[in-house]
Structure formats: C-alpha cells, structure tokens
C-alpha cells in the first residue's frame, strides 16, 4: 500500500480497549518504540489507551510522532454528563484525536448514529482528529444489508461535516460479523466494503473521497495483514487485540510500510 499509488499515507492505530494500567502502558510504549525501527518513518501510527493512561501515554510518546487517541468523548463541552469526557479535557492532555462509534460502544453502550452526528463535528471543531467506526452485523451481512447499513452510518455520522472537511475524518470499517465469531473477512470482502465507503464519500466530494483514509477494523494479525493491507482502497488498520502486544503491533506497522 505505497503512498505513491493513492497519495494516502498508511495509517495504523492500536485500540487497547480496557487493557493496561498506567505502569503497564509505560512499559509497553518503551517496548513498542524500540520495536518499530524504521517502519514508523513510512506509516502514521497511533494508540488508543484507556482514559486513565492517556496522560502517561502522551508523556511517553512526546516527540516520537506516534499519536494518542481517546476511545470516546462527549459532544458536550461540559455540563451534567456524569462519566463522560469532553474535547477540551482531551486537548489539555495533548491527545491528537478520538475514536467514535466503535462497534463495542454501539453494542454495549447503545451508541447511536444520531449521537455520532453530533460527536464527529464536535471533535473537528475542537481540533481533534475523529476516527469514525462503521460496519454491519452478522445478521445484516447474511441478509445482504451491508450497503444499506454502511450508507446509513456514513450519512448520519458525517451529516454535519462540511464537504471541505470530510478528508479530516478517518473512517474505520469494522465487519462486526468477523470479530470474535470464528468467521474471517477475506481481503476481497474488506476491499469491497471499503471501496463502497469511498464511493459514498465521493457522492459528496470526489476530492475528499480520494484523500480520506479508510482503515480496516476487523480481526487483523501479522499472518493476514499483508493481504488485507495490500488492497487498493485499504489505507491501514484499526487494530484491536494484536495492538496490545508490542512485537505484534510493530510487525503490523512494518506490513503497512511494505
């Protein structure tokens, strides 16, 4: 996936989910930085630690070029939002961006497309880079509803984002049916869905569609990375479990670098 072909720089983001204490995060980052080698020169790299480890992660990665992302945020700047974290709070820590609409939050915390319609522009307006997650369930895939579901998620989530700012949003395609189900998305299936998402963006802005980076967010590991990342519309990956092992994540970054 060389940048010269698409003009889009490869992007690898590790989502730690609810893993790693502050001490564990520091230890992991030191190992990761020593494992990345020169691969990080050709790939944009980010990590998404739990809230409690954000400050320590920003500190450990200062000056390295590796970005730090939160796993969620509120659309509100402040107020009666118990348990939530706002964009200004994240900015104060030095966080680069935020993951929004992850499939686990949609499933377990009832995250809706309507709420994302507010969160995505709120992140942009605050100066954070949003990574918007979209994807169809196993039932939707089996019933041939993939395109309908993706179209709805993209239209709702980006509804309030001006066309000239679309390229500032990163999209992560999560085939929910291939995560923890024993089924795997083939490289061709990943390409099909991500090319469809790019076409949807092209309906609003052909320029943005060429520039926006769309990541694969299914189960990706060192043994299947090259085939998936080699697809023409796949610009990188939002990595789950494999990103919590420094050597595995560094190997994935190397695969993205080609």
C-alpha atoms as a PDB file:
ATOM      1  CA  UNK A   1       0.000   0.000   0.000  1.00  0.00           C
ATOM      2  CA  UNK A   2       2.584   2.578  -1.033  1.00  0.00           C
ATOM      3  CA  UNK A   3       1.699   6.225  -0.646  1.00  0.00           C
ATOM      4  CA  UNK A   4       2.791   6.952  -4.204  1.00  0.00           C
ATOM      5  CA  UNK A   5      -0.099   4.921  -5.611  1.00  0.00           C
ATOM      6  CA  UNK A   6      -3.009   6.505  -3.748  1.00  0.00           C
ATOM      7  CA  UNK A   7      -1.446   9.656  -2.318  1.00  0.00           C
ATOM      8  CA  UNK A   8      -2.653   8.474   1.101  1.00  0.00           C
ATOM      9  CA  UNK A   9      -0.086   7.734   3.781  1.00  0.00           C
ATOM     10  CA  UNK A  10      -0.597   4.361   5.519  1.00  0.00           C
ATOM     11  CA  UNK A  11      -2.179   4.613   8.960  1.00  0.00           C
ATOM     12  CA  UNK A  12      -2.045   2.067  11.787  1.00  0.00           C
ATOM     13  CA  UNK A  13      -3.904   2.737  15.032  1.00  0.00           C
ATOM     14  CA  UNK A  14      -3.888   0.389  18.024  1.00  0.00           C
ATOM     15  CA  UNK A  15      -7.007   0.292  20.186  1.00  0.00           C
ATOM     16  CA  UNK A  16      -6.098  -1.119  23.584  1.00  0.00           C
ATOM     17  CA  UNK A  17      -9.741  -1.170  24.737  1.00  0.00           C
ATOM     18  CA  UNK A  18      -9.857  -1.822  28.516  1.00  0.00           C
ATOM     19  CA  UNK A  19      -6.289  -3.055  28.821  1.00  0.00           C
ATOM     20  CA  UNK A  20      -3.170  -1.682  30.511  1.00  0.00           C
ATOM     21  CA  UNK A  21      -2.737   0.254  33.727  1.00  0.00           C
ATOM     22  CA  UNK A  22      -0.569   3.382  33.701  1.00  0.00           C
ATOM     23  CA  UNK A  23       2.519   1.362  34.634  1.00  0.00           C
ATOM     24  CA  UNK A  24       1.744  -1.267  32.006  1.00  0.00           C
ATOM     25  CA  UNK A  25       1.205   1.424  29.383  1.00  0.00           C
ATOM     26  CA  UNK A  26       4.607   2.977  30.058  1.00  0.00           C
ATOM     27  CA  UNK A  27       6.355  -0.389  29.847  1.00  0.00           C
ATOM     28  CA  UNK A  28       4.513  -1.292  26.643  1.00  0.00           C
ATOM     29  CA  UNK A  29       5.335   2.004  24.923  1.00  0.00           C
ATOM     30  CA  UNK A  30       9.025   1.696  25.646  1.00  0.00           C
ATOM     31  CA  UNK A  31       8.999  -1.761  24.088  1.00  0.00           C
ATOM     32  CA  UNK A  32       6.919  -0.590  21.129  1.00  0.00           C
ATOM     33  CA  UNK A  33       9.203   2.325  20.313  1.00  0.00           C
ATOM     34  CA  UNK A  34      12.250   0.062  20.345  1.00  0.00           C
ATOM     35  CA  UNK A  35      10.429  -2.462  18.125  1.00  0.00           C
ATOM     36  CA  UNK A  36       9.139  -0.071  15.466  1.00  0.00           C
ATOM     37  CA  UNK A  37      12.530   0.630  13.950  1.00  0.00           C
ATOM     38  CA  UNK A  38      12.353   2.471  10.639  1.00  0.00           C
ATOM     39  CA  UNK A  39       8.803   1.277   9.850  1.00  0.00           C
ATOM     40  CA  UNK A  40       7.346   4.240  11.694  1.00  0.00           C
ATOM     41  CA  UNK A  41       9.032   6.580   9.221  1.00  0.00           C
ATOM     42  CA  UNK A  42       6.713   5.470   6.428  1.00  0.00           C
ATOM     43  CA  UNK A  43       3.496   4.952   8.368  1.00  0.00           C
ATOM     44  CA  UNK A  44       1.387   7.169  10.614  1.00  0.00           C
ATOM     45  CA  UNK A  45       0.984   5.352  13.929  1.00  0.00           C
ATOM     46  CA  UNK A  46      -1.431   5.934  16.782  1.00  0.00           C
ATOM     47  CA  UNK A  47      -2.513   4.266  20.015  1.00  0.00           C
ATOM     48  CA  UNK A  48      -5.784   4.450  21.941  1.00  0.00           C
ATOM     49  CA  UNK A  49      -5.200   3.786  25.656  1.00  0.00           C
ATOM     50  CA  UNK A  50      -7.861   3.826  28.381  1.00  0.00           C
ATOM     51  CA  UNK A  51      -8.644   7.256  29.824  1.00  0.00           C
ATOM     52  CA  UNK A  52      -6.509   6.737  32.931  1.00  0.00           C
ATOM     53  CA  UNK A  53      -3.408   6.095  30.806  1.00  0.00           C
ATOM     54  CA  UNK A  54      -3.860   8.976  28.348  1.00  0.00           C
ATOM     55  CA  UNK A  55      -1.619  11.456  30.175  1.00  0.00           C
ATOM     56  CA  UNK A  56       1.166   8.919  30.696  1.00  0.00           C
ATOM     57  CA  UNK A  57       0.935   7.816  27.068  1.00  0.00           C
ATOM     58  CA  UNK A  58       1.178  11.390  25.805  1.00  0.00           C
ATOM     59  CA  UNK A  59       4.220  11.907  28.016  1.00  0.00           C
ATOM     60  CA  UNK A  60       5.963   8.717  26.858  1.00  0.00           C
ATOM     61  CA  UNK A  61       5.309   9.463  23.175  1.00  0.00           C
ATOM     62  CA  UNK A  62       6.248  13.137  23.220  1.00  0.00           C
ATOM     63  CA  UNK A  63       8.425  13.895  20.215  1.00  0.00           C
ATOM     64  CA  UNK A  64       8.091  10.418  18.687  1.00  0.00           C
ATOM     65  CA  UNK A  65       5.412  11.212  16.101  1.00  0.00           C
ATOM     66  CA  UNK A  66       3.120   8.471  17.422  1.00  0.00           C
ATOM     67  CA  UNK A  67      -0.329   9.940  18.032  1.00  0.00           C
ATOM     68  CA  UNK A  68      -2.535   9.394  21.059  1.00  0.00           C
ATOM     69  CA  UNK A  69      -6.279   8.878  20.683  1.00  0.00           C
ATOM     70  CA  UNK A  70      -9.066   8.613  23.225  1.00  0.00           C
ATOM     71  CA  UNK A  71     -11.587   5.801  22.855  1.00  0.00           C
ATOM     72  CA  UNK A  72     -14.659   8.045  23.106  1.00  0.00           C
ATOM     73  CA  UNK A  73     -15.783  11.555  24.010  1.00  0.00           C
ATOM     74  CA  UNK A  74     -18.933  13.540  24.673  1.00  0.00           C
ATOM     75  CA  UNK A  75     -20.277  16.021  22.153  1.00  0.00           C
ATOM     76  CA  UNK A  76     -20.823  18.471  25.048  1.00  0.00           C
ATOM     77  CA  UNK A  77     -18.053  20.795  26.204  1.00  0.00           C
ATOM     78  CA  UNK A  78     -19.147  20.498  29.852  1.00  0.00           C
ATOM     79  CA  UNK A  79     -22.268  20.028  31.956  1.00  0.00           C
ATOM     80  CA  UNK A  80     -24.270  17.316  33.705  1.00  0.00           C
ATOM     81  CA  UNK A  81     -22.636  14.432  31.827  1.00  0.00           C
ATOM     82  CA  UNK A  82     -21.609  12.002  34.553  1.00  0.00           C
ATOM     83  CA  UNK A  83     -18.890   9.614  33.430  1.00  0.00           C
ATOM     84  CA  UNK A  84     -18.175  11.489  30.195  1.00  0.00           C
ATOM     85  CA  UNK A  85     -15.050  13.275  28.953  1.00  0.00           C
ATOM     86  CA  UNK A  86     -15.084  16.357  26.720  1.00  0.00           C
ATOM     87  CA  UNK A  87     -12.927  17.541  23.843  1.00  0.00           C
ATOM     88  CA  UNK A  88     -11.315  20.370  25.862  1.00  0.00           C
ATOM     89  CA  UNK A  89     -10.274  17.838  28.516  1.00  0.00           C
ATOM     90  CA  UNK A  90      -8.622  15.669  25.881  1.00  0.00           C
ATOM     91  CA  UNK A  91      -6.913  18.632  24.239  1.00  0.00           C
ATOM     92  CA  UNK A  92      -5.468  19.737  27.566  1.00  0.00           C
ATOM     93  CA  UNK A  93      -3.764  16.344  27.844  1.00  0.00           C
ATOM     94  CA  UNK A  94      -2.240  16.660  24.373  1.00  0.00           C
ATOM     95  CA  UNK A  95      -4.410  13.997  22.760  1.00  0.00           C
ATOM     96  CA  UNK A  96      -4.441  14.053  18.934  1.00  0.00           C
ATOM     97  CA  UNK A  97      -7.830  12.534  18.236  1.00  0.00           C
ATOM     98  CA  UNK A  98     -10.672  10.268  19.277  1.00  0.00           C
ATOM     99  CA  UNK A  99     -12.283   7.020  18.157  1.00  0.00           C
ATOM    100  CA  UNK A 100     -16.044   7.422  17.750  1.00  0.00           C
ATOM    101  CA  UNK A 101     -18.767   4.842  17.215  1.00  0.00           C
ATOM    102  CA  UNK A 102     -16.703   1.721  17.861  1.00  0.00           C
ATOM    103  CA  UNK A 103     -18.829  -1.400  17.406  1.00  0.00           C
ATOM    104  CA  UNK A 104     -18.461  -2.329  21.080  1.00  0.00           C
ATOM    105  CA  UNK A 105     -19.804   1.047  22.157  1.00  0.00           C
ATOM    106  CA  UNK A 106     -22.647   0.786  19.680  1.00  0.00           C
ATOM    107  CA  UNK A 107     -23.489  -2.678  21.023  1.00  0.00           C
ATOM    108  CA  UNK A 108     -22.840  -2.290  24.750  1.00  0.00           C
ATOM    109  CA  UNK A 109     -23.320   1.436  25.422  1.00  0.00           C
ATOM    110  CA  UNK A 110     -26.130   1.968  22.892  1.00  0.00           C
ATOM    111  CA  UNK A 111     -24.135   4.490  20.853  1.00  0.00           C
ATOM    112  CA  UNK A 112     -26.392   5.761  18.060  1.00  0.00           C
ATOM    113  CA  UNK A 113     -25.773   7.239  14.632  1.00  0.00           C
ATOM    114  CA  UNK A 114     -27.662  10.330  15.822  1.00  0.00           C
ATOM    115  CA  UNK A 115     -25.227  10.882  18.698  1.00  0.00           C
ATOM    116  CA  UNK A 116     -22.294  10.452  16.317  1.00  0.00           C
ATOM    117  CA  UNK A 117     -23.811  13.101  14.073  1.00  0.00           C
ATOM    118  CA  UNK A 118     -23.024  15.490  16.954  1.00  0.00           C
ATOM    119  CA  UNK A 119     -19.759  13.980  18.164  1.00  0.00           C
ATOM    120  CA  UNK A 120     -17.864  13.951  14.857  1.00  0.00           C
ATOM    121  CA  UNK A 121     -18.229  17.700  14.114  1.00  0.00           C
ATOM    122  CA  UNK A 122     -17.645  18.488  17.799  1.00  0.00           C
ATOM    123  CA  UNK A 123     -14.289  16.706  17.606  1.00  0.00           C
ATOM    124  CA  UNK A 124     -13.345  18.503  14.381  1.00  0.00           C
ATOM    125  CA  UNK A 125     -14.367  21.900  15.703  1.00  0.00           C
ATOM    126  CA  UNK A 126     -12.243  21.336  18.813  1.00  0.00           C
ATOM    127  CA  UNK A 127      -9.189  20.440  16.740  1.00  0.00           C
ATOM    128  CA  UNK A 128      -9.260  16.690  17.346  1.00  0.00           C
ATOM    129  CA  UNK A 129      -8.974  14.083  14.605  1.00  0.00           C
ATOM    130  CA  UNK A 130     -12.043  11.809  14.638  1.00  0.00           C
ATOM    131  CA  UNK A 131     -11.861   8.161  13.619  1.00  0.00           C
ATOM    132  CA  UNK A 132     -15.451   7.199  12.786  1.00  0.00           C
ATOM    133  CA  UNK A 133     -16.169   3.465  13.018  1.00  0.00           C
ATOM    134  CA  UNK A 134     -18.832   1.889  10.825  1.00  0.00           C
ATOM    135  CA  UNK A 135     -19.749  -1.680   9.972  1.00  0.00           C
ATOM    136  CA  UNK A 136     -22.503  -4.225   9.556  1.00  0.00           C
ATOM    137  CA  UNK A 137     -23.549  -7.043  11.894  1.00  0.00           C
ATOM    138  CA  UNK A 138     -23.560 -10.742  11.098  1.00  0.00           C
ATOM    139  CA  UNK A 139     -27.322 -10.661  10.513  1.00  0.00           C
ATOM    140  CA  UNK A 140     -27.056  -7.649   8.219  1.00  0.00           C
ATOM    141  CA  UNK A 141     -24.246  -9.258   6.241  1.00  0.00           C
ATOM    142  CA  UNK A 142     -26.157 -12.540   5.836  1.00  0.00           C
ATOM    143  CA  UNK A 143     -29.322 -10.719   4.736  1.00  0.00           C
ATOM    144  CA  UNK A 144     -27.488  -8.663   2.114  1.00  0.00           C
ATOM    145  CA  UNK A 145     -27.918  -5.437   4.075  1.00  0.00           C
ATOM    146  CA  UNK A 146     -24.259  -4.379   4.171  1.00  0.00           C
ATOM    147  CA  UNK A 147     -24.562  -1.458   1.771  1.00  0.00           C
ATOM    148  CA  UNK A 148     -27.761  -0.148   3.325  1.00  0.00           C
ATOM    149  CA  UNK A 149     -26.226  -0.208   6.801  1.00  0.00           C
ATOM    150  CA  UNK A 150     -22.961   1.414   5.765  1.00  0.00           C
ATOM    151  CA  UNK A 151     -24.785   4.092   3.786  1.00  0.00           C
ATOM    152  CA  UNK A 152     -26.924   4.980   6.799  1.00  0.00           C
ATOM    153  CA  UNK A 153     -23.954   5.117   9.176  1.00  0.00           C
ATOM    154  CA  UNK A 154     -21.884   7.306   6.860  1.00  0.00           C
ATOM    155  CA  UNK A 155     -24.741   9.664   6.001  1.00  0.00           C
ATOM    156  CA  UNK A 156     -25.754  10.106   9.638  1.00  0.00           C
ATOM    157  CA  UNK A 157     -22.276  10.265  11.158  1.00  0.00           C
ATOM    158  CA  UNK A 158     -20.974  12.805   8.635  1.00  0.00           C
ATOM    159  CA  UNK A 159     -24.183  14.739   8.095  1.00  0.00           C
ATOM    160  CA  UNK A 160     -22.957  17.884   9.839  1.00  0.00           C
ATOM    161  CA  UNK A 161     -19.392  17.728   8.497  1.00  0.00           C
ATOM    162  CA  UNK A 162     -18.884  20.220   5.634  1.00  0.00           C
ATOM    163  CA  UNK A 163     -17.684  18.661   2.379  1.00  0.00           C
ATOM    164  CA  UNK A 164     -14.435  20.617   2.566  1.00  0.00           C
ATOM    165  CA  UNK A 165     -13.630  18.972   5.932  1.00  0.00           C
ATOM    166  CA  UNK A 166     -14.536  15.377   5.105  1.00  0.00           C
ATOM    167  CA  UNK A 167     -10.923  14.434   4.405  1.00  0.00           C
ATOM    168  CA  UNK A 168     -10.046  15.373   8.002  1.00  0.00           C
ATOM    169  CA  UNK A 169     -12.098  12.419   9.228  1.00  0.00           C
ATOM    170  CA  UNK A 170     -10.604   8.926   9.233  1.00  0.00           C
ATOM    171  CA  UNK A 171     -13.056   6.062   8.671  1.00  0.00           C
ATOM    172  CA  UNK A 172     -12.617   2.591  10.178  1.00  0.00           C
ATOM    173  CA  UNK A 173     -14.610  -0.252   8.636  1.00  0.00           C
ATOM    174  CA  UNK A 174     -15.460  -2.902  11.228  1.00  0.00           C
ATOM    175  CA  UNK A 175     -17.059  -6.070   9.866  1.00  0.00           C
ATOM    176  CA  UNK A 176     -18.773  -6.889  13.162  1.00  0.00           C
ATOM    177  CA  UNK A 177     -19.664 -10.322  11.836  1.00  0.00           C
ATOM    178  CA  UNK A 178     -15.979 -11.222  11.587  1.00  0.00           C
ATOM    179  CA  UNK A 179     -14.957 -10.124  15.088  1.00  0.00           C
ATOM    180  CA  UNK A 180     -14.946 -12.913  17.661  1.00  0.00           C
ATOM    181  CA  UNK A 181     -17.342 -15.058  15.629  1.00  0.00           C
ATOM    182  CA  UNK A 182     -14.942 -17.538  14.092  1.00  0.00           C
ATOM    183  CA  UNK A 183     -15.622 -16.081  10.646  1.00  0.00           C
ATOM    184  CA  UNK A 184     -12.978 -14.096   8.806  1.00  0.00           C
ATOM    185  CA  UNK A 185     -13.307 -11.270   6.333  1.00  0.00           C
ATOM    186  CA  UNK A 186     -11.326 -12.007   3.204  1.00  0.00           C
ATOM    187  CA  UNK A 187      -9.111  -9.321   1.671  1.00  0.00           C
ATOM    188  CA  UNK A 188     -11.631  -9.110  -1.171  1.00  0.00           C
ATOM    189  CA  UNK A 189     -14.518  -8.533   1.246  1.00  0.00           C
ATOM    190  CA  UNK A 190     -12.555  -5.812   3.026  1.00  0.00           C
ATOM    191  CA  UNK A 191     -11.779  -4.144  -0.298  1.00  0.00           C
ATOM    192  CA  UNK A 192     -15.400  -4.362  -1.453  1.00  0.00           C
ATOM    193  CA  UNK A 193     -16.774  -2.676   1.672  1.00  0.00           C
ATOM    194  CA  UNK A 194     -14.081  -0.006   1.861  1.00  0.00           C
ATOM    195  CA  UNK A 195     -14.381   0.822  -1.836  1.00  0.00           C
ATOM    196  CA  UNK A 196     -18.134   1.218  -1.273  1.00  0.00           C
ATOM    197  CA  UNK A 197     -17.482   3.612   1.614  1.00  0.00           C
ATOM    198  CA  UNK A 198     -15.133   5.646  -0.575  1.00  0.00           C
ATOM    199  CA  UNK A 199     -17.813   5.821  -3.271  1.00  0.00           C
ATOM    200  CA  UNK A 200     -20.317   7.084  -0.682  1.00  0.00           C
ATOM    201  CA  UNK A 201     -17.905   9.861   0.271  1.00  0.00           C
ATOM    202  CA  UNK A 202     -17.451  10.609  -3.424  1.00  0.00           C
ATOM    203  CA  UNK A 203     -21.148  11.420  -3.651  1.00  0.00           C
ATOM    204  CA  UNK A 204     -20.379  14.467  -1.514  1.00  0.00           C
ATOM    205  CA  UNK A 205     -16.853  15.304  -2.654  1.00  0.00           C
ATOM    206  CA  UNK A 206     -14.702  13.412  -5.130  1.00  0.00           C
ATOM    207  CA  UNK A 207     -11.626  15.208  -3.819  1.00  0.00           C
ATOM    208  CA  UNK A 208     -12.358  14.189  -0.222  1.00  0.00           C
ATOM    209  CA  UNK A 209     -13.041  10.613  -1.295  1.00  0.00           C
ATOM    210  CA  UNK A 210      -9.545  10.389  -2.791  1.00  0.00           C
ATOM    211  CA  UNK A 211      -7.910  11.931   0.273  1.00  0.00           C
ATOM    212  CA  UNK A 212      -9.765  10.344   3.201  1.00  0.00           C
ATOM    213  CA  UNK A 213      -8.075   7.365   4.821  1.00  0.00           C
ATOM    214  CA  UNK A 214     -10.239   4.305   5.395  1.00  0.00           C
ATOM    215  CA  UNK A 215      -8.917   1.661   7.753  1.00  0.00           C
ATOM    216  CA  UNK A 216      -9.824  -1.986   8.159  1.00  0.00           C
ATOM    217  CA  UNK A 217     -11.075  -2.623  11.675  1.00  0.00           C
ATOM    218  CA  UNK A 218     -11.718  -6.350  11.729  1.00  0.00           C
ATOM    219  CA  UNK A 219      -9.534  -9.018  13.271  1.00  0.00           C
ATOM    220  CA  UNK A 220      -6.128  -8.346  11.782  1.00  0.00           C
ATOM    221  CA  UNK A 221      -2.966 -10.176  12.769  1.00  0.00           C
ATOM    222  CA  UNK A 222       0.564 -10.467  11.396  1.00  0.00           C
ATOM    223  CA  UNK A 223      -0.377 -13.577   9.406  1.00  0.00           C
ATOM    224  CA  UNK A 224      -3.195 -11.922   7.409  1.00  0.00           C
ATOM    225  CA  UNK A 225      -2.041  -8.307   7.408  1.00  0.00           C
ATOM    226  CA  UNK A 226      -0.147  -8.190   4.127  1.00  0.00           C
ATOM    227  CA  UNK A 227      -3.083  -9.437   2.037  1.00  0.00           C
ATOM    228  CA  UNK A 228      -5.602  -7.073   3.650  1.00  0.00           C
ATOM    229  CA  UNK A 229      -3.320  -4.037   3.715  1.00  0.00           C
ATOM    230  CA  UNK A 230      -2.353  -4.671   0.104  1.00  0.00           C
ATOM    231  CA  UNK A 231      -5.858  -3.927  -1.153  1.00  0.00           C
ATOM    232  CA  UNK A 232      -6.017  -0.670  -3.155  1.00  0.00           C
ATOM    233  CA  UNK A 233      -8.602   1.114  -1.000  1.00  0.00           C
ATOM    234  CA  UNK A 234      -7.371  -0.114   2.402  1.00  0.00           C
ATOM    235  CA  UNK A 235      -5.215   2.616   3.955  1.00  0.00           C
ATOM    236  CA  UNK A 236      -4.276   0.849   7.168  1.00  0.00           C
ATOM    237  CA  UNK A 237      -5.990  -0.697  10.166  1.00  0.00           C
ATOM    238  CA  UNK A 238      -7.637  -0.005  13.480  1.00  0.00           C
ATOM    239  CA  UNK A 239      -6.067  -2.880  15.382  1.00  0.00           C
ATOM    240  CA  UNK A 240      -7.636  -4.457  18.451  1.00  0.00           C
ATOM    241  CA  UNK A 241      -6.115  -7.388  20.329  1.00  0.00           C
ATOM    242  CA  UNK A 242      -2.890  -7.531  18.333  1.00  0.00           C
ATOM    243  CA  UNK A 243      -2.126  -3.926  19.283  1.00  0.00           C
ATOM    244  CA  UNK A 244      -1.711  -4.875  22.946  1.00  0.00           C
ATOM    245  CA  UNK A 245       1.403  -6.898  22.115  1.00  0.00           C
ATOM    246  CA  UNK A 246       4.285  -4.604  21.171  1.00  0.00           C
ATOM    247  CA  UNK A 247       6.019  -7.023  18.806  1.00  0.00           C
ATOM    248  CA  UNK A 248       2.779  -7.949  17.019  1.00  0.00           C
ATOM    249  CA  UNK A 249       1.785  -4.316  16.576  1.00  0.00           C
ATOM    250  CA  UNK A 250       5.251  -3.373  15.343  1.00  0.00           C
ATOM    251  CA  UNK A 251       5.026  -6.241  12.851  1.00  0.00           C
ATOM    252  CA  UNK A 252       1.683  -4.899  11.603  1.00  0.00           C
ATOM    253  CA  UNK A 253       3.166  -1.434  11.180  1.00  0.00           C
ATOM    254  CA  UNK A 254       6.017  -2.979   9.188  1.00  0.00           C
ATOM    255  CA  UNK A 255       3.449  -4.742   6.977  1.00  0.00           C
ATOM    256  CA  UNK A 256       1.744  -1.420   6.319  1.00  0.00           C
ATOM    257  CA  UNK A 257       5.075   0.139   5.409  1.00  0.00           C
ATOM    258  CA  UNK A 258       5.504  -2.550   2.775  1.00  0.00           C
END
